Amino acid sequence: MNKNEMIQAIYLILKQKMQLPALEEFHEKARLNEDLYMDSVMMLQLIIHLELDYGLDIPDEAIVPKHFQTVGTLADFLLEQEVVR
């Protein structure tokens, strides 16, 4: 999976599974908390959906705030985790 595909996967989960209302602000540089209005619980829900739907295995200790700043930083983090598998 490349970065654009990962961003699309994030978008689809936010839209279809989590029904996030603020998706008109969705783009690579969108801040998860400030622009998309996601709180920490919603971010963990997103991670769980990504793990289940895309077979990612994200260790708890790898989940740190710096990876959840923007859609792009989250996509980069998830791609790193995919390579580690």
N, C-alpha and C. Protein backbone atom coordinates (compact mmCIF):
# COMPACT_ATOMS: atom_id res chain seq x y z
N MET A 1 0.86 -1.17 0.00
CA MET A 1 0.00 0.00 0.00
C MET A 1 0.91 1.24 0.00
N ASN A 2 0.56 2.23 -0.82
CA ASN A 2 1.33 3.47 -0.82
C ASN A 2 0.63 4.53 0.04
N LYS A 3 1.24 5.70 0.13
CA LYS A 3 0.70 6.74 1.03
C LYS A 3 -0.70 7.19 0.60
N ASN A 4 -0.92 7.39 -0.69
CA ASN A 4 -2.25 7.82 -1.15
C ASN A 4 -3.32 6.77 -0.85
N GLU A 5 -2.97 5.50 -1.01
CA GLU A 5 -3.91 4.42 -0.70
C GLU A 5 -4.21 4.38 0.80
N MET A 6 -3.19 4.63 1.63
CA MET A 6 -3.41 4.64 3.08
C MET A 6 -4.30 5.82 3.47
N ILE A 7 -4.08 6.97 2.86
CA ILE A 7 -4.93 8.14 3.14
C ILE A 7 -6.37 7.83 2.73
N GLN A 8 -6.55 7.19 1.60
CA GLN A 8 -7.89 6.81 1.15
C GLN A 8 -8.52 5.80 2.12
N ALA A 9 -7.74 4.87 2.62
CA ALA A 9 -8.25 3.89 3.60
C ALA A 9 -8.70 4.60 4.87
N ILE A 10 -7.92 5.57 5.32
CA ILE A 10 -8.31 6.36 6.51
C ILE A 10 -9.62 7.08 6.24
N TYR A 11 -9.71 7.71 5.07
CA TYR A 11 -10.93 8.45 4.70
C TYR A 11 -12.16 7.53 4.70
N LEU A 12 -12.03 6.37 4.08
CA LEU A 12 -13.17 5.45 3.99
C LEU A 12 -13.64 4.99 5.36
N ILE A 13 -12.71 4.70 6.24
CA ILE A 13 -13.11 4.28 7.59
C ILE A 13 -13.79 5.42 8.33
N LEU A 14 -13.23 6.62 8.23
CA LEU A 14 -13.85 7.77 8.90
C LEU A 14 -15.24 8.04 8.37
N LYS A 15 -15.43 7.86 7.08
CA LYS A 15 -16.73 8.14 6.46
C LYS A 15 -17.73 7.01 6.68
N GLN A 16 -17.34 5.79 6.35
CA GLN A 16 -18.28 4.67 6.34
C GLN A 16 -18.48 4.02 7.70
N LYS A 17 -17.41 3.83 8.44
CA LYS A 17 -17.52 3.09 9.70
C LYS A 17 -17.74 4.00 10.89
N MET A 18 -17.10 5.17 10.86
CA MET A 18 -17.19 6.06 12.02
C MET A 18 -18.13 7.24 11.79
N GLN A 19 -18.53 7.43 10.55
CA GLN A 19 -19.48 8.48 10.17
C GLN A 19 -19.08 9.84 10.73
N LEU A 20 -17.82 10.18 10.54
CA LEU A 20 -17.29 11.45 11.02
C LEU A 20 -17.89 12.60 10.21
N PRO A 21 -18.49 13.59 10.86
CA PRO A 21 -19.19 14.65 10.14
C PRO A 21 -18.29 15.71 9.51
N ALA A 22 -17.05 15.86 9.95
CA ALA A 22 -16.20 16.96 9.50
C ALA A 22 -15.30 16.60 8.33
N LEU A 23 -15.73 15.72 7.45
CA LEU A 23 -14.84 15.24 6.40
C LEU A 23 -14.64 16.22 5.25
N GLU A 24 -15.37 17.32 5.22
CA GLU A 24 -15.12 18.32 4.18
C GLU A 24 -13.74 18.95 4.37
N GLU A 25 -13.17 18.81 5.56
CA GLU A 25 -11.83 19.32 5.86
C GLU A 25 -10.75 18.25 5.67
N PHE A 26 -11.11 17.07 5.15
CA PHE A 26 -10.16 15.96 5.04
C PHE A 26 -9.18 16.19 3.89
N HIS A 27 -7.90 16.20 4.22
CA HIS A 27 -6.81 16.22 3.25
C HIS A 27 -5.54 15.82 4.00
N GLU A 28 -4.46 15.64 3.29
CA GLU A 28 -3.24 15.10 3.91
C GLU A 28 -2.75 15.95 5.08
N LYS A 29 -2.89 17.25 5.00
CA LYS A 29 -2.39 18.13 6.05
C LYS A 29 -3.44 18.48 7.11
N ALA A 30 -4.63 17.89 7.00
CA ALA A 30 -5.69 18.14 7.99
C ALA A 30 -5.25 17.61 9.34
N ARG A 31 -5.39 18.44 10.36
CA ARG A 31 -5.06 18.03 11.72
C ARG A 31 -6.23 17.21 12.27
N LEU A 32 -5.90 16.06 12.82
CA LEU A 32 -6.94 15.14 13.28
C LEU A 32 -7.79 15.77 14.38
N ASN A 33 -7.15 16.43 15.32
CA ASN A 33 -7.90 17.00 16.44
C ASN A 33 -8.55 18.32 16.07
N GLU A 34 -7.80 19.25 15.54
CA GLU A 34 -8.31 20.59 15.30
C GLU A 34 -9.21 20.72 14.07
N ASP A 35 -8.87 20.04 12.98
CA ASP A 35 -9.63 20.18 11.73
C ASP A 35 -10.75 19.15 11.60
N LEU A 36 -10.46 17.91 12.03
CA LEU A 36 -11.44 16.83 11.88
C LEU A 36 -12.19 16.55 13.18
N TYR A 37 -11.84 17.26 14.23
CA TYR A 37 -12.53 17.17 15.52
C TYR A 37 -12.54 15.75 16.10
N MET A 38 -11.41 15.06 15.96
CA MET A 38 -11.29 13.72 16.52
C MET A 38 -10.66 13.80 17.91
N ASP A 39 -11.25 13.09 18.86
CA ASP A 39 -10.65 13.01 20.19
C ASP A 39 -9.85 11.71 20.29
N SER A 40 -9.24 11.47 21.43
CA SER A 40 -8.37 10.30 21.58
C SER A 40 -9.13 8.99 21.43
N VAL A 41 -10.35 8.94 21.89
CA VAL A 41 -11.15 7.71 21.75
C VAL A 41 -11.44 7.43 20.28
N MET A 42 -11.77 8.46 19.53
CA MET A 42 -12.03 8.29 18.10
C MET A 42 -10.77 7.84 17.36
N MET A 43 -9.62 8.35 17.77
CA MET A 43 -8.37 7.95 17.12
C MET A 43 -8.08 6.48 17.39
N LEU A 44 -8.35 6.02 18.61
CA LEU A 44 -8.16 4.60 18.91
C LEU A 44 -9.15 3.73 18.13
N GLN A 45 -10.38 4.21 17.97
CA GLN A 45 -11.36 3.48 17.16
C GLN A 45 -10.87 3.36 15.72
N LEU A 46 -10.30 4.44 15.20
CA LEU A 46 -9.75 4.42 13.84
C LEU A 46 -8.65 3.37 13.73
N ILE A 47 -7.75 3.33 14.69
CA ILE A 47 -6.67 2.34 14.68
C ILE A 47 -7.24 0.92 14.70
N ILE A 48 -8.23 0.68 15.53
CA ILE A 48 -8.84 -0.66 15.60
C ILE A 48 -9.45 -1.04 14.26
N HIS A 49 -10.17 -0.13 13.63
CA HIS A 49 -10.75 -0.41 12.31
C HIS A 49 -9.66 -0.70 11.28
N LEU A 50 -8.59 0.07 11.30
CA LEU A 50 -7.49 -0.17 10.36
C LEU A 50 -6.85 -1.53 10.60
N GLU A 51 -6.69 -1.90 11.86
CA GLU A 51 -6.11 -3.21 12.17
C GLU A 51 -7.02 -4.33 11.66
N LEU A 52 -8.30 -4.21 11.91
CA LEU A 52 -9.24 -5.26 11.50
C LEU A 52 -9.44 -5.32 9.99
N ASP A 53 -9.60 -4.16 9.37
CA ASP A 53 -9.92 -4.12 7.94
C ASP A 53 -8.71 -4.35 7.04
N TYR A 54 -7.53 -3.93 7.49
CA TYR A 54 -6.35 -3.98 6.62
C TYR A 54 -5.25 -4.88 7.16
N GLY A 55 -5.53 -5.59 8.24
CA GLY A 55 -4.57 -6.55 8.76
C GLY A 55 -3.32 -5.93 9.37
N LEU A 56 -3.41 -4.66 9.75
CA LEU A 56 -2.26 -4.03 10.40
C LEU A 56 -2.17 -4.51 11.84
N ASP A 57 -0.96 -4.56 12.36
CA ASP A 57 -0.74 -4.92 13.76
C ASP A 57 0.08 -3.80 14.38
N ILE A 58 -0.59 -2.95 15.13
CA ILE A 58 0.06 -1.77 15.69
C ILE A 58 0.26 -1.97 17.18
N PRO A 59 1.51 -2.07 17.63
CA PRO A 59 1.76 -2.28 19.05
C PRO A 59 1.32 -1.06 19.87
N ASP A 60 0.78 -1.32 21.04
CA ASP A 60 0.30 -0.24 21.90
C ASP A 60 1.38 0.81 22.18
N GLU A 61 2.60 0.35 22.39
CA GLU A 61 3.68 1.29 22.73
C GLU A 61 4.05 2.20 21.56
N ALA A 62 3.64 1.85 20.35
CA ALA A 62 3.93 2.69 19.17
C ALA A 62 2.90 3.80 19.00
N ILE A 63 1.81 3.73 19.73
CA ILE A 63 0.74 4.73 19.60
C ILE A 63 1.09 5.93 20.49
N VAL A 64 1.68 6.94 19.85
CA VAL A 64 2.09 8.16 20.56
C VAL A 64 1.54 9.38 19.82
N PRO A 65 1.35 10.49 20.52
CA PRO A 65 0.71 11.67 19.93
C PRO A 65 1.34 12.18 18.64
N LYS A 66 2.67 12.09 18.49
CA LYS A 66 3.30 12.66 17.29
C LYS A 66 2.81 11.99 16.00
N HIS A 67 2.31 10.77 16.09
CA HIS A 67 1.81 10.07 14.90
C HIS A 67 0.38 10.47 14.55
N PHE A 68 -0.26 11.20 15.43
CA PHE A 68 -1.67 11.54 15.25
C PHE A 68 -1.88 13.04 15.06
N GLN A 69 -0.89 13.72 14.53
CA GLN A 69 -1.02 15.16 14.32
C GLN A 69 -1.87 15.48 13.10
N THR A 70 -1.54 14.86 11.97
CA THR A 70 -2.28 15.12 10.73
C THR A 70 -2.61 13.79 10.05
N VAL A 71 -3.45 13.87 9.03
CA VAL A 71 -3.75 12.68 8.23
C VAL A 71 -2.46 12.12 7.64
N GLY A 72 -1.59 12.99 7.17
CA GLY A 72 -0.33 12.57 6.56
C GLY A 72 0.61 11.89 7.55
N THR A 73 0.74 12.44 8.76
CA THR A 73 1.63 11.81 9.74
C THR A 73 1.07 10.45 10.17
N LEU A 74 -0.23 10.34 10.25
CA LEU A 74 -0.84 9.05 10.58
C LEU A 74 -0.60 8.04 9.46
N ALA A 75 -0.77 8.47 8.21
CA ALA A 75 -0.55 7.57 7.07
C ALA A 75 0.91 7.10 7.05
N ASP A 76 1.85 8.01 7.27
CA ASP A 76 3.27 7.63 7.30
C ASP A 76 3.54 6.60 8.40
N PHE A 77 2.99 6.85 9.58
CA PHE A 77 3.15 5.93 10.71
C PHE A 77 2.58 4.55 10.37
N LEU A 78 1.39 4.52 9.79
CA LEU A 78 0.76 3.24 9.46
C LEU A 78 1.56 2.49 8.40
N LEU A 79 2.12 3.21 7.44
CA LEU A 79 2.95 2.57 6.42
C LEU A 79 4.22 1.99 7.04
N GLU A 80 4.80 2.68 8.00
CA GLU A 80 5.97 2.15 8.71
C GLU A 80 5.61 0.85 9.44
N GLN A 81 4.45 0.82 10.06
CA GLN A 81 4.00 -0.37 10.78
C GLN A 81 3.76 -1.52 9.81
N GLU A 82 3.25 -1.19 8.63
CA GLU A 82 2.99 -2.22 7.62
C GLU A 82 4.30 -2.87 7.18
N VAL A 83 5.35 -2.08 7.04
CA VAL A 83 6.65 -2.60 6.62
C VAL A 83 7.27 -3.47 7.70
N VAL A 84 7.06 -3.11 8.96
CA VAL A 84 7.63 -3.85 10.08
C VAL A 84 7.07 -5.26 10.16
N ARG A 85 5.80 -5.45 9.75
CA ARG A 85 5.15 -6.77 9.87
C ARG A 85 5.94 -7.84 9.23
